[in-house]
């Protein structure tokens, strides 16, 4: 069982440094349920365009992005903050559909 060296919480994300024999690891955890509830409520009420920005696509908990990128072998920082991995967002949306906004269809 790893020994916890430090634990820090910032913006809802818990970062834990652990020591297990001769290995030090970092674990990030976050409760994503409130974010999924927020997206579900927004989808019920209708997602609207933000002037100048368009319609939001996802609400992304940082730890979910980190896990997705770890599995795909891509750097999460570049996935979130650059256009380098834009094609990966389609796969992200398929895997984490509960985090996707569903914009209202125009009736005209």
N, C-alpha and C. Protein backbone atom coordinates (compact mmCIF):
# COMPACT_ATOMS: atom_id res chain seq x y z
N UNK A 1 0.85 -1.18 0.00
CA UNK A 1 0.00 0.00 0.00
C UNK A 1 0.89 1.24 0.00
N UNK A 2 0.69 2.15 -0.96
CA UNK A 2 1.53 3.35 -1.02
C UNK A 2 1.30 4.27 0.18
N UNK A 3 2.37 4.93 0.57
CA UNK A 3 2.31 5.91 1.65
C UNK A 3 2.08 7.29 1.02
N UNK A 4 1.11 8.04 1.55
CA UNK A 4 0.82 9.38 1.03
C UNK A 4 1.86 10.35 1.58
N UNK A 5 2.55 11.03 0.65
CA UNK A 5 3.55 12.01 1.04
C UNK A 5 2.91 13.38 1.25
N UNK A 6 2.15 13.83 0.26
CA UNK A 6 1.43 15.10 0.37
C UNK A 6 0.10 14.98 -0.37
N UNK A 7 -0.83 15.83 0.03
CA UNK A 7 -2.13 15.90 -0.63
C UNK A 7 -2.53 17.36 -0.69
N UNK A 8 -2.91 17.81 -1.88
CA UNK A 8 -3.28 19.21 -2.07
C UNK A 8 -4.57 19.26 -2.88
N UNK A 9 -5.48 20.14 -2.47
CA UNK A 9 -6.74 20.31 -3.18
C UNK A 9 -6.80 21.73 -3.73
N UNK A 10 -7.05 21.85 -5.03
CA UNK A 10 -7.19 23.16 -5.66
C UNK A 10 -8.25 23.06 -6.75
N UNK A 11 -9.22 23.95 -6.72
CA UNK A 11 -10.29 24.00 -7.72
C UNK A 11 -10.99 22.66 -7.89
N UNK A 12 -11.19 21.94 -6.79
CA UNK A 12 -11.91 20.68 -6.84
C UNK A 12 -11.09 19.48 -7.27
N UNK A 13 -9.82 19.67 -7.57
CA UNK A 13 -8.94 18.57 -7.97
C UNK A 13 -7.98 18.27 -6.83
N UNK A 14 -7.94 17.01 -6.43
CA UNK A 14 -7.03 16.57 -5.38
C UNK A 14 -5.80 15.95 -6.03
N UNK A 15 -4.63 16.48 -5.70
CA UNK A 15 -3.36 15.96 -6.21
C UNK A 15 -2.65 15.28 -5.04
N UNK A 16 -2.38 13.99 -5.18
CA UNK A 16 -1.77 13.21 -4.12
C UNK A 16 -0.43 12.65 -4.60
N UNK A 17 0.63 12.92 -3.84
CA UNK A 17 1.94 12.34 -4.11
C UNK A 17 2.09 11.13 -3.19
N UNK A 18 2.43 9.98 -3.78
CA UNK A 18 2.52 8.74 -3.03
C UNK A 18 3.90 8.12 -3.20
N UNK A 19 4.31 7.38 -2.18
CA UNK A 19 5.60 6.68 -2.21
C UNK A 19 5.33 5.21 -1.96
N UNK A 20 5.84 4.36 -2.85
CA UNK A 20 5.67 2.91 -2.71
C UNK A 20 7.01 2.24 -2.97
N UNK A 21 7.74 1.95 -1.91
CA UNK A 21 9.06 1.34 -2.05
C UNK A 21 10.05 2.32 -2.63
N UNK A 22 10.40 2.15 -3.91
CA UNK A 22 11.33 3.08 -4.55
C UNK A 22 10.65 3.88 -5.67
N UNK A 23 9.32 3.93 -5.65
CA UNK A 23 8.56 4.63 -6.67
C UNK A 23 7.72 5.75 -6.06
N UNK A 24 7.78 6.91 -6.69
CA UNK A 24 6.93 8.03 -6.29
C UNK A 24 5.94 8.26 -7.43
N UNK A 25 4.67 8.38 -7.06
CA UNK A 25 3.64 8.59 -8.07
C UNK A 25 2.76 9.78 -7.71
N UNK A 26 2.08 10.29 -8.72
CA UNK A 26 1.14 11.40 -8.54
C UNK A 26 -0.22 10.92 -9.00
N UNK A 27 -1.23 11.17 -8.19
CA UNK A 27 -2.59 10.78 -8.54
C UNK A 27 -3.47 12.01 -8.47
N UNK A 28 -4.31 12.21 -9.48
CA UNK A 28 -5.25 13.32 -9.51
C UNK A 28 -6.66 12.75 -9.45
N UNK A 29 -7.50 13.29 -8.56
CA UNK A 29 -8.88 12.84 -8.45
C UNK A 29 -9.80 14.06 -8.42
N UNK A 30 -11.03 13.83 -8.85
CA UNK A 30 -12.01 14.91 -8.90
C UNK A 30 -13.40 14.29 -8.97
N UNK A 31 -14.36 14.89 -8.32
CA UNK A 31 -15.74 14.43 -8.41
C UNK A 31 -16.37 15.08 -9.64
N UNK A 32 -16.61 14.29 -10.67
CA UNK A 32 -17.14 14.82 -11.94
C UNK A 32 -18.66 14.82 -11.96
N UNK A 33 -19.30 14.24 -10.98
CA UNK A 33 -20.77 14.14 -10.97
C UNK A 33 -21.47 15.50 -11.03
N UNK A 34 -21.03 16.52 -10.25
CA UNK A 34 -21.70 17.82 -10.36
C UNK A 34 -21.59 18.43 -11.77
N UNK A 35 -20.51 18.17 -12.46
CA UNK A 35 -20.33 18.68 -13.81
C UNK A 35 -21.29 17.98 -14.76
N UNK A 36 -21.43 16.67 -14.61
CA UNK A 36 -22.38 15.92 -15.46
C UNK A 36 -23.82 16.37 -15.18
N UNK A 37 -24.14 16.63 -13.91
CA UNK A 37 -25.47 17.13 -13.56
C UNK A 37 -25.72 18.49 -14.19
N UNK A 38 -24.71 19.35 -14.19
CA UNK A 38 -24.82 20.68 -14.77
C UNK A 38 -25.11 20.59 -16.27
N UNK A 39 -24.39 19.72 -16.97
CA UNK A 39 -24.57 19.55 -18.41
C UNK A 39 -25.97 18.99 -18.70
N UNK A 40 -26.40 18.02 -17.89
CA UNK A 40 -27.73 17.44 -18.09
C UNK A 40 -28.82 18.50 -17.92
N UNK A 41 -28.69 19.34 -16.90
CA UNK A 41 -29.66 20.41 -16.67
C UNK A 41 -29.65 21.42 -17.82
N UNK A 42 -28.45 21.77 -18.29
CA UNK A 42 -28.34 22.70 -19.41
C UNK A 42 -28.98 22.11 -20.67
N UNK A 43 -28.79 20.82 -20.89
CA UNK A 43 -29.37 20.18 -22.06
C UNK A 43 -30.90 20.14 -21.99
N UNK A 44 -31.45 20.00 -20.79
CA UNK A 44 -32.90 20.02 -20.62
C UNK A 44 -33.47 21.40 -20.93
N UNK A 45 -32.77 22.43 -20.48
CA UNK A 45 -33.24 23.80 -20.69
C UNK A 45 -32.88 24.36 -22.04
N UNK A 46 -32.02 23.70 -22.74
CA UNK A 46 -31.58 24.17 -24.06
C UNK A 46 -30.28 24.94 -23.97
N UNK A 47 -29.33 24.54 -24.76
CA UNK A 47 -28.03 25.20 -24.82
C UNK A 47 -28.09 26.25 -25.92
N UNK A 48 -27.70 27.45 -25.58
CA UNK A 48 -27.80 28.55 -26.54
C UNK A 48 -26.42 29.06 -26.92
N UNK A 49 -26.39 29.72 -28.05
CA UNK A 49 -25.15 30.29 -28.56
C UNK A 49 -24.67 31.43 -27.67
N UNK A 50 -23.37 31.45 -27.43
CA UNK A 50 -22.74 32.55 -26.71
C UNK A 50 -22.24 33.53 -27.77
N UNK A 51 -22.74 34.77 -27.75
CA UNK A 51 -22.35 35.72 -28.80
C UNK A 51 -20.83 35.84 -28.93
N UNK A 52 -20.35 35.67 -30.14
CA UNK A 52 -18.93 35.79 -30.43
C UNK A 52 -18.13 34.51 -30.20
N UNK A 53 -18.72 33.54 -29.50
CA UNK A 53 -18.01 32.29 -29.21
C UNK A 53 -18.66 31.06 -29.82
N UNK A 54 -19.95 31.12 -30.08
CA UNK A 54 -20.65 29.97 -30.64
C UNK A 54 -21.32 29.16 -29.55
N UNK A 55 -21.60 27.91 -29.86
CA UNK A 55 -22.28 27.01 -28.94
C UNK A 55 -21.23 26.16 -28.23
N UNK A 56 -21.29 26.06 -26.89
CA UNK A 56 -20.31 25.22 -26.20
C UNK A 56 -20.49 23.75 -26.58
N UNK A 57 -19.40 23.01 -26.62
CA UNK A 57 -19.44 21.60 -27.00
C UNK A 57 -19.39 20.67 -25.79
N UNK A 58 -18.48 20.95 -24.85
CA UNK A 58 -18.27 20.06 -23.70
C UNK A 58 -18.01 20.87 -22.44
N UNK A 59 -18.25 20.23 -21.32
CA UNK A 59 -17.77 20.69 -20.02
C UNK A 59 -16.78 19.61 -19.61
N UNK A 60 -15.50 19.94 -19.49
CA UNK A 60 -14.47 18.91 -19.34
C UNK A 60 -13.79 18.99 -17.98
N UNK A 61 -14.07 18.01 -17.09
CA UNK A 61 -13.29 17.93 -15.85
C UNK A 61 -11.84 17.60 -16.20
N UNK A 62 -10.92 18.29 -15.59
CA UNK A 62 -9.50 18.14 -15.93
C UNK A 62 -9.02 16.70 -15.75
N UNK A 63 -9.50 16.03 -14.70
CA UNK A 63 -9.03 14.66 -14.46
C UNK A 63 -9.58 13.70 -15.52
N UNK A 64 -10.75 13.97 -16.07
CA UNK A 64 -11.28 13.14 -17.14
C UNK A 64 -10.42 13.32 -18.39
N UNK A 65 -10.05 14.57 -18.69
CA UNK A 65 -9.16 14.82 -19.83
C UNK A 65 -7.81 14.14 -19.63
N UNK A 66 -7.28 14.20 -18.42
CA UNK A 66 -5.99 13.56 -18.14
C UNK A 66 -6.07 12.05 -18.37
N UNK A 67 -7.14 11.42 -17.90
CA UNK A 67 -7.29 9.97 -18.05
C UNK A 67 -7.48 9.59 -19.52
N UNK A 68 -8.31 10.35 -20.23
CA UNK A 68 -8.53 10.10 -21.66
C UNK A 68 -7.20 10.17 -22.41
N UNK A 69 -6.43 11.21 -22.15
CA UNK A 69 -5.16 11.41 -22.84
C UNK A 69 -4.12 10.36 -22.45
N UNK A 70 -4.13 9.94 -21.18
CA UNK A 70 -3.21 8.88 -20.76
C UNK A 70 -3.49 7.61 -21.55
N UNK A 71 -4.77 7.26 -21.70
CA UNK A 71 -5.14 6.06 -22.46
C UNK A 71 -4.77 6.18 -23.94
N UNK A 72 -4.87 7.39 -24.49
CA UNK A 72 -4.59 7.61 -25.91
C UNK A 72 -3.11 7.88 -26.19
N UNK A 73 -2.33 8.11 -25.12
CA UNK A 73 -0.90 8.37 -25.30
C UNK A 73 -0.61 9.76 -25.83
N UNK A 74 -1.43 10.72 -25.44
CA UNK A 74 -1.20 12.10 -25.89
C UNK A 74 -1.08 13.02 -24.67
N UNK A 75 -0.37 14.13 -24.79
CA UNK A 75 -0.21 15.05 -23.67
C UNK A 75 -1.51 15.84 -23.43
N UNK A 76 -2.03 15.75 -22.22
CA UNK A 76 -3.32 16.37 -21.93
C UNK A 76 -3.29 17.89 -22.08
N UNK A 77 -2.16 18.51 -21.78
CA UNK A 77 -2.07 19.97 -21.89
C UNK A 77 -2.28 20.41 -23.34
N UNK A 78 -1.68 19.68 -24.26
CA UNK A 78 -1.81 20.04 -25.68
C UNK A 78 -3.19 19.67 -26.21
N UNK A 79 -3.77 18.61 -25.66
CA UNK A 79 -5.13 18.24 -26.04
C UNK A 79 -6.11 19.36 -25.66
N UNK A 80 -5.97 19.89 -24.45
CA UNK A 80 -6.90 20.91 -23.97
C UNK A 80 -6.60 22.31 -24.47
N UNK A 81 -5.33 22.65 -24.60
CA UNK A 81 -4.96 24.05 -24.80
C UNK A 81 -4.34 24.39 -26.15
N UNK A 82 -4.39 23.45 -27.10
CA UNK A 82 -3.91 23.75 -28.44
C UNK A 82 -4.86 23.11 -29.45
N UNK A 83 -4.61 23.34 -30.70
CA UNK A 83 -5.43 22.74 -31.75
C UNK A 83 -4.77 21.48 -32.33
N UNK A 84 -3.69 21.09 -31.76
CA UNK A 84 -2.91 19.96 -32.28
C UNK A 84 -3.69 18.65 -32.29
N UNK A 85 -4.56 18.44 -31.32
CA UNK A 85 -5.30 17.18 -31.19
C UNK A 85 -6.80 17.38 -31.36
N UNK A 86 -7.19 18.32 -32.20
CA UNK A 86 -8.62 18.60 -32.40
C UNK A 86 -9.40 17.37 -32.86
N UNK A 87 -8.79 16.50 -33.64
CA UNK A 87 -9.49 15.30 -34.11
C UNK A 87 -9.85 14.36 -32.96
N UNK A 88 -9.12 14.44 -31.87
CA UNK A 88 -9.39 13.57 -30.72
C UNK A 88 -10.69 13.94 -30.00
N UNK A 89 -11.18 15.17 -30.22
CA UNK A 89 -12.41 15.59 -29.54
C UNK A 89 -13.61 14.76 -29.98
N UNK A 90 -13.61 14.26 -31.20
CA UNK A 90 -14.70 13.39 -31.66
C UNK A 90 -14.73 12.13 -30.81
N UNK A 91 -13.58 11.53 -30.63
CA UNK A 91 -13.49 10.32 -29.80
C UNK A 91 -13.84 10.62 -28.35
N UNK A 92 -13.36 11.76 -27.83
CA UNK A 92 -13.68 12.17 -26.47
C UNK A 92 -15.21 12.27 -26.31
N UNK A 93 -15.86 12.89 -27.29
CA UNK A 93 -17.32 13.04 -27.23
C UNK A 93 -18.05 11.70 -27.27
N UNK A 94 -17.50 10.73 -27.97
CA UNK A 94 -18.11 9.40 -28.01
C UNK A 94 -17.94 8.68 -26.68
N UNK A 95 -16.77 8.82 -26.08
CA UNK A 95 -16.50 8.15 -24.81
C UNK A 95 -17.20 8.81 -23.63
N UNK A 96 -17.30 10.13 -23.67
CA UNK A 96 -17.85 10.88 -22.54
C UNK A 96 -19.04 11.71 -22.97
N UNK A 97 -20.05 11.06 -23.52
CA UNK A 97 -21.22 11.77 -24.06
C UNK A 97 -21.99 12.52 -22.97
N UNK A 98 -21.86 12.10 -21.73
CA UNK A 98 -22.57 12.80 -20.64
C UNK A 98 -21.97 14.18 -20.36
N UNK A 99 -20.83 14.48 -20.95
CA UNK A 99 -20.21 15.79 -20.77
C UNK A 99 -20.46 16.71 -21.97
N UNK A 100 -21.22 16.22 -22.96
CA UNK A 100 -21.44 16.98 -24.19
C UNK A 100 -22.74 17.78 -24.12
N UNK A 101 -22.66 19.02 -24.54
CA UNK A 101 -23.86 19.84 -24.68
C UNK A 101 -24.57 19.46 -25.97
N UNK A 102 -25.88 19.51 -25.92
CA UNK A 102 -26.67 19.23 -27.11
C UNK A 102 -27.43 20.49 -27.46
N UNK A 103 -26.93 21.24 -28.46
CA UNK A 103 -27.55 22.52 -28.80
C UNK A 103 -28.98 22.34 -29.35
N UNK A 104 -29.79 23.34 -29.09
CA UNK A 104 -31.16 23.34 -29.61
C UNK A 104 -31.13 23.48 -31.12
N UNK A 105 -32.00 22.77 -31.78
CA UNK A 105 -32.09 22.90 -33.23
C UNK A 105 -32.96 24.11 -33.56
N UNK A 106 -32.54 24.84 -34.56
CA UNK A 106 -33.33 25.99 -35.00
C UNK A 106 -34.56 25.49 -35.74
N UNK A 107 -35.65 26.15 -35.52
CA UNK A 107 -36.91 25.73 -36.11
C UNK A 107 -37.21 26.40 -37.45
N UNK A 108 -36.28 27.11 -38.00
CA UNK A 108 -36.51 27.79 -39.29
C UNK A 108 -35.51 27.36 -40.30
